Amino acid sequence: GVILKKGKDVVLNEFMEKIVGYSNHEVDSIEDLRKLLYGEKNKAVEKLYKEDRKEKFPKARVLLARCKNGEEKHLEFKWYVDSQVECCIVQDVTKREKARINLRRSQIKFQTIFENLPLGMFSCDAEGKILDFNPMFLEMLGYDSKEMKQLTCWNITPENHIKEERKV
């Protein structure tokens, strides 16, 4: 969606209206839109808006907004400002943000399991350089973390198994 602002006047294009559920008739100013989308967080969002307007090359900012139908959406805003008009490109990134949040939760869960597993585990790259390992792996082999980072899987594989392991 697009928001155009000239002076106090604000125009939402049809895509922006679909994203947030508000029409041009319901929004007279950018302040009105902020109040509708952010309620009591309006002042904090206004501060971000003012910061973004100062940037020559604005960064995209993702904010959680409440749409007219009550649905919360992650909206990505990017403001472009010149002397005559301000233009904001708005994208609904709710699915992307939910995927990012779920991925982070999954990473934390995996890391917790990996670090606390009573089995020694490690990972290595295609050349055999050891990339990651858990505390039990260090304990089993008697290395400290600094030493382990210098090794390859071939350094810790018994000589009689290396040929077979390289096939895999």
C-alpha atoms as a PDB file:
ATOM      1  CA  GLY A   1       0.000   0.000   0.000  1.00  0.00           C
ATOM      2  CA  VAL A   2       0.969   3.631  -0.296  1.00  0.00           C
ATOM      3  CA  ILE A   3       0.414   6.643   1.944  1.00  0.00           C
ATOM      4  CA  LEU A   4       0.879  10.073   0.379  1.00  0.00           C
ATOM      5  CA  LYS A   5       1.159  13.090   2.654  1.00  0.00           C
ATOM      6  CA  LYS A   6       1.212  16.694   1.473  1.00  0.00           C
ATOM      7  CA  GLY A   7       0.993  19.215   4.255  1.00  0.00           C
ATOM      8  CA  LYS A   8      -1.699  17.876   6.580  1.00  0.00           C
ATOM      9  CA  ASP A   9      -3.541  15.997   3.813  1.00  0.00           C
ATOM     10  CA  VAL A  10      -3.151  12.231   3.667  1.00  0.00           C
ATOM     11  CA  VAL A  11      -4.213   9.864   0.908  1.00  0.00           C
ATOM     12  CA  LEU A  12      -4.257   6.087   1.219  1.00  0.00           C
ATOM     13  CA  ASN A  13      -4.248   4.112  -2.004  1.00  0.00           C
ATOM     14  CA  GLU A  14      -6.685   1.208  -2.435  1.00  0.00           C
ATOM     15  CA  PHE A  15      -4.072  -1.350  -1.378  1.00  0.00           C
ATOM     16  CA  MET A  16      -3.377   0.534   1.840  1.00  0.00           C
ATOM     17  CA  GLU A  17      -7.105   0.719   2.499  1.00  0.00           C
ATOM     18  CA  LYS A  18      -7.304  -3.078   2.070  1.00  0.00           C
ATOM     19  CA  ILE A  19      -4.340  -3.674   4.381  1.00  0.00           C
ATOM     20  CA  VAL A  20      -5.601  -1.575   7.305  1.00  0.00           C
ATOM     21  CA  GLY A  21      -9.336  -1.502   6.632  1.00  0.00           C
ATOM     22  CA  TYR A  22      -9.633   2.280   6.927  1.00  0.00           C
ATOM     23  CA  SER A  23     -10.710   4.435   3.988  1.00  0.00           C
ATOM     24  CA  ASN A  24      -9.573   7.907   3.005  1.00  0.00           C
ATOM     25  CA  HIS A  25     -12.843   9.262   4.431  1.00  0.00           C
ATOM     26  CA  GLU A  26     -11.856   8.021   7.911  1.00  0.00           C
ATOM     27  CA  VAL A  27      -8.316   9.395   7.887  1.00  0.00           C
ATOM     28  CA  ASP A  28      -7.768  13.162   7.729  1.00  0.00           C
ATOM     29  CA  SER A  29      -4.126  13.284   8.819  1.00  0.00           C
ATOM     30  CA  ILE A  30      -1.115  11.095   9.490  1.00  0.00           C
ATOM     31  CA  GLU A  31      -1.823  11.649  13.206  1.00  0.00           C
ATOM     32  CA  ASP A  32      -5.325  10.187  12.735  1.00  0.00           C
ATOM     33  CA  LEU A  33      -3.883   7.133  11.030  1.00  0.00           C
ATOM     34  CA  ARG A  34      -1.295   6.616  13.785  1.00  0.00           C
ATOM     35  CA  LYS A  35      -3.974   6.881  16.474  1.00  0.00           C
ATOM     36  CA  LEU A  36      -6.200   4.384  14.654  1.00  0.00           C
ATOM     37  CA  LEU A  37      -3.402   1.859  14.085  1.00  0.00           C
ATOM     38  CA  TYR A  38      -1.415   2.218  17.317  1.00  0.00           C
ATOM     39  CA  GLY A  39      -3.791   3.550  19.970  1.00  0.00           C
ATOM     40  CA  GLU A  40      -1.854   4.277  23.156  1.00  0.00           C
ATOM     41  CA  LYS A  41       1.481   3.494  21.440  1.00  0.00           C
ATOM     42  CA  ASN A  42       0.844   6.467  19.139  1.00  0.00           C
ATOM     43  CA  LYS A  43       3.437   8.767  20.778  1.00  0.00           C
ATOM     44  CA  ALA A  44       6.226   6.176  20.530  1.00  0.00           C
ATOM     45  CA  VAL A  45       5.369   5.546  16.878  1.00  0.00           C
ATOM     46  CA  GLU A  46       5.279   9.310  16.226  1.00  0.00           C
ATOM     47  CA  LYS A  47       8.850   9.539  17.543  1.00  0.00           C
ATOM     48  CA  LEU A  48       9.962   6.771  15.143  1.00  0.00           C
ATOM     49  CA  TYR A  49       8.145   8.503  12.282  1.00  0.00           C
ATOM     50  CA  LYS A  50      10.024  11.747  12.969  1.00  0.00           C
ATOM     51  CA  GLU A  51      13.348   9.878  13.135  1.00  0.00           C
ATOM     52  CA  ASP A  52      12.643   8.131   9.836  1.00  0.00           C
ATOM     53  CA  ARG A  53      11.758  11.395   8.090  1.00  0.00           C
ATOM     54  CA  LYS A  54      15.240  12.766   8.904  1.00  0.00           C
ATOM     55  CA  GLU A  55      16.982   9.907   7.115  1.00  0.00           C
ATOM     56  CA  LYS A  56      18.178  10.514   3.565  1.00  0.00           C
ATOM     57  CA  PHE A  57      17.867   6.805   2.818  1.00  0.00           C
ATOM     58  CA  PRO A  58      15.223   5.539   5.239  1.00  0.00           C
ATOM     59  CA  LYS A  59      15.315   2.037   6.585  1.00  0.00           C
ATOM     60  CA  ALA A  60      12.292  -0.189   6.520  1.00  0.00           C
ATOM     61  CA  ARG A  61      10.623  -0.343   9.919  1.00  0.00           C
ATOM     62  CA  VAL A  62       8.269  -3.123  10.999  1.00  0.00           C
ATOM     63  CA  LEU A  63       5.569  -2.229  13.514  1.00  0.00           C
ATOM     64  CA  LEU A  64       2.659  -4.186  14.923  1.00  0.00           C
ATOM     65  CA  ALA A  65      -0.573  -2.366  14.061  1.00  0.00           C
ATOM     66  CA  ARG A  66      -4.225  -2.994  14.931  1.00  0.00           C
ATOM     67  CA  CYS A  67      -6.411  -2.789  11.839  1.00  0.00           C
ATOM     68  CA  LYS A  68     -10.017  -1.618  11.715  1.00  0.00           C
ATOM     69  CA  ASN A  69     -11.356  -5.184  12.061  1.00  0.00           C
ATOM     70  CA  GLY A  70      -9.244  -5.663  15.222  1.00  0.00           C
ATOM     71  CA  GLU A  71      -6.695  -7.895  13.510  1.00  0.00           C
ATOM     72  CA  GLU A  72      -3.066  -7.252  14.408  1.00  0.00           C
ATOM     73  CA  LYS A  73      -0.673  -7.089  11.477  1.00  0.00           C
ATOM     74  CA  HIS A  74       3.049  -6.561  11.171  1.00  0.00           C
ATOM     75  CA  LEU A  75       3.387  -3.664   8.734  1.00  0.00           C
ATOM     76  CA  GLU A  76       6.651  -2.592   7.151  1.00  0.00           C
ATOM     77  CA  PHE A  77       6.905   1.164   6.561  1.00  0.00           C
ATOM     78  CA  LYS A  78       9.457   2.991   4.454  1.00  0.00           C
ATOM     79  CA  TRP A  79       9.141   6.783   4.196  1.00  0.00           C
ATOM     80  CA  TYR A  80      10.458   8.862   1.322  1.00  0.00           C
ATOM     81  CA  VAL A  81      10.451  12.610   1.853  1.00  0.00           C
ATOM     82  CA  ASP A  82      11.090  15.555  -0.423  1.00  0.00           C
ATOM     83  CA  SER A  83      10.203  19.228  -0.106  1.00  0.00           C
ATOM     84  CA  GLN A  84       6.711  18.832  -1.576  1.00  0.00           C
ATOM     85  CA  VAL A  85       5.354  15.469  -0.546  1.00  0.00           C
ATOM     86  CA  GLU A  86       5.976  12.439   1.656  1.00  0.00           C
ATOM     87  CA  CYS A  87       5.408   8.951   0.366  1.00  0.00           C
ATOM     88  CA  CYS A  88       5.307   5.833   2.462  1.00  0.00           C
ATOM     89  CA  ILE A  89       5.430   2.338   1.004  1.00  0.00           C
ATOM     90  CA  VAL A  90       3.626  -0.072   3.319  1.00  0.00           C
ATOM     91  CA  GLN A  91       3.759  -3.831   3.107  1.00  0.00           C
ATOM     92  CA  ASP A  92       1.944  -6.420   5.203  1.00  0.00           C
ATOM     93  CA  VAL A  93       4.759  -8.661   6.443  1.00  0.00           C
ATOM     94  CA  THR A  94       2.738 -10.538   9.062  1.00  0.00           C
ATOM     95  CA  LYS A  95       3.452 -13.977   7.594  1.00  0.00           C
ATOM     96  CA  ARG A  96       7.161 -13.207   7.311  1.00  0.00           C
ATOM     97  CA  GLU A  97       7.344 -11.909  10.891  1.00  0.00           C
ATOM     98  CA  LYS A  98       5.441 -14.912  12.273  1.00  0.00           C
ATOM     99  CA  ALA A  99       7.807 -17.232  10.377  1.00  0.00           C
ATOM    100  CA  ARG A 100      10.806 -15.308  11.760  1.00  0.00           C
ATOM    101  CA  ILE A 101       9.451 -15.549  15.315  1.00  0.00           C
ATOM    102  CA  ASN A 102       8.699 -19.271  14.925  1.00  0.00           C
ATOM    103  CA  LEU A 103      12.152 -19.899  13.463  1.00  0.00           C
ATOM    104  CA  ARG A 104      13.785 -18.105  16.394  1.00  0.00           C
ATOM    105  CA  ARG A 105      11.740 -20.155  18.892  1.00  0.00           C
ATOM    106  CA  SER A 106      12.756 -23.331  17.075  1.00  0.00           C
ATOM    107  CA  GLN A 107      16.428 -22.289  17.138  1.00  0.00           C
ATOM    108  CA  ILE A 108      16.276 -21.631  20.877  1.00  0.00           C
ATOM    109  CA  LYS A 109      14.566 -24.968  21.467  1.00  0.00           C
ATOM    110  CA  PHE A 110      17.153 -26.846  19.372  1.00  0.00           C
ATOM    111  CA  GLN A 111      20.063 -25.029  21.046  1.00  0.00           C
ATOM    112  CA  THR A 112      18.704 -25.876  24.507  1.00  0.00           C
ATOM    113  CA  ILE A 113      18.313 -29.541  23.606  1.00  0.00           C
ATOM    114  CA  PHE A 114      21.729 -29.652  21.889  1.00  0.00           C
ATOM    115  CA  GLU A 115      23.543 -28.091  24.843  1.00  0.00           C
ATOM    116  CA  ASN A 116      21.832 -30.207  27.506  1.00  0.00           C
ATOM    117  CA  LEU A 117      21.689 -33.566  25.730  1.00  0.00           C
ATOM    118  CA  PRO A 118      23.477 -36.336  27.672  1.00  0.00           C
ATOM    119  CA  LEU A 119      25.002 -37.481  24.344  1.00  0.00           C
ATOM    120  CA  GLY A 120      28.031 -35.996  22.662  1.00  0.00           C
ATOM    121  CA  MET A 121      27.163 -34.241  19.406  1.00  0.00           C
ATOM    122  CA  PHE A 122      29.041 -32.145  16.863  1.00  0.00           C
ATOM    123  CA  SER A 123      28.606 -30.797  13.356  1.00  0.00           C
ATOM    124  CA  CYS A 124      31.211 -30.207  10.685  1.00  0.00           C
ATOM    125  CA  ASP A 125      31.448 -28.766   7.201  1.00  0.00           C
ATOM    126  CA  ALA A 126      32.156 -30.708   3.991  1.00  0.00           C
ATOM    127  CA  GLU A 127      35.918 -30.524   4.582  1.00  0.00           C
ATOM    128  CA  GLY A 128      35.549 -31.924   8.100  1.00  0.00           C
ATOM    129  CA  LYS A 129      36.136 -28.679  10.053  1.00  0.00           C
ATOM    130  CA  ILE A 130      34.248 -28.920  13.321  1.00  0.00           C
ATOM    131  CA  LEU A 131      31.700 -26.109  13.446  1.00  0.00           C
ATOM    132  CA  ASP A 132      29.712 -26.786  16.589  1.00  0.00           C
ATOM    133  CA  PHE A 133      29.713 -29.213  19.497  1.00  0.00           C
ATOM    134  CA  ASN A 134      27.968 -29.673  22.797  1.00  0.00           C
ATOM    135  CA  PRO A 135      29.521 -29.819  26.287  1.00  0.00           C
ATOM    136  CA  MET A 136      29.067 -33.589  26.513  1.00  0.00           C
ATOM    137  CA  PHE A 137      31.132 -34.048  23.341  1.00  0.00           C
ATOM    138  CA  LEU A 138      34.009 -32.109  24.929  1.00  0.00           C
ATOM    139  CA  GLU A 139      33.685 -34.122  28.116  1.00  0.00           C
ATOM    140  CA  MET A 140      33.677 -37.438  26.234  1.00  0.00           C
ATOM    141  CA  LEU A 141      36.837 -36.586  24.261  1.00  0.00           C
ATOM    142  CA  GLY A 142      38.655 -34.600  26.940  1.00  0.00           C
ATOM    143  CA  TYR A 143      39.177 -31.419  24.901  1.00  0.00           C
ATOM    144  CA  ASP A 144      38.357 -27.871  25.854  1.00  0.00           C
ATOM    145  CA  SER A 145      36.397 -25.597  23.530  1.00  0.00           C
ATOM    146  CA  LYS A 146      39.458 -23.758  22.193  1.00  0.00           C
ATOM    147  CA  GLU A 147      41.227 -27.017  21.317  1.00  0.00           C
ATOM    148  CA  MET A 148      38.147 -28.494  19.649  1.00  0.00           C
ATOM    149  CA  LYS A 149      37.774 -25.471  17.353  1.00  0.00           C
ATOM    150  CA  GLN A 150      41.235 -26.233  15.919  1.00  0.00           C
ATOM    151  CA  LEU A 151      40.374 -29.819  14.974  1.00  0.00           C
ATOM    152  CA  THR A 152      38.667 -31.543  12.078  1.00  0.00           C
ATOM    153  CA  CYS A 153      36.492 -34.597  12.370  1.00  0.00           C
ATOM    154  CA  TRP A 154      39.426 -36.543  10.865  1.00  0.00           C
ATOM    155  CA  ASN A 155      41.603 -35.632  13.865  1.00  0.00           C
ATOM    156  CA  ILE A 156      39.161 -37.332  16.228  1.00  0.00           C
ATOM    157  CA  THR A 157      38.159 -40.281  14.047  1.00  0.00           C
ATOM    158  CA  PRO A 158      40.091 -43.512  14.733  1.00  0.00           C
ATOM    159  CA  GLU A 159      42.530 -44.243  11.903  1.00  0.00           C
ATOM    160  CA  ASN A 160      40.850 -47.532  10.995  1.00  0.00           C
ATOM    161  CA  HIS A 161      37.479 -45.754  10.434  1.00  0.00           C
ATOM    162  CA  ILE A 162      38.617 -42.756   8.378  1.00  0.00           C
ATOM    163  CA  LYS A 163      38.462 -44.520   5.012  1.00  0.00           C
ATOM    164  CA  GLU A 164      34.916 -45.746   5.667  1.00  0.00           C
ATOM    165  CA  GLU A 165      33.779 -42.339   7.033  1.00  0.00           C
ATOM    166  CA  ARG A 166      35.103 -40.441   4.013  1.00  0.00           C
ATOM    167  CA  LYS A 167      32.746 -42.466   1.785  1.00  0.00           C
ATOM    168  CA  VAL A 168      29.766 -40.959   3.584  1.00  0.00           C
END
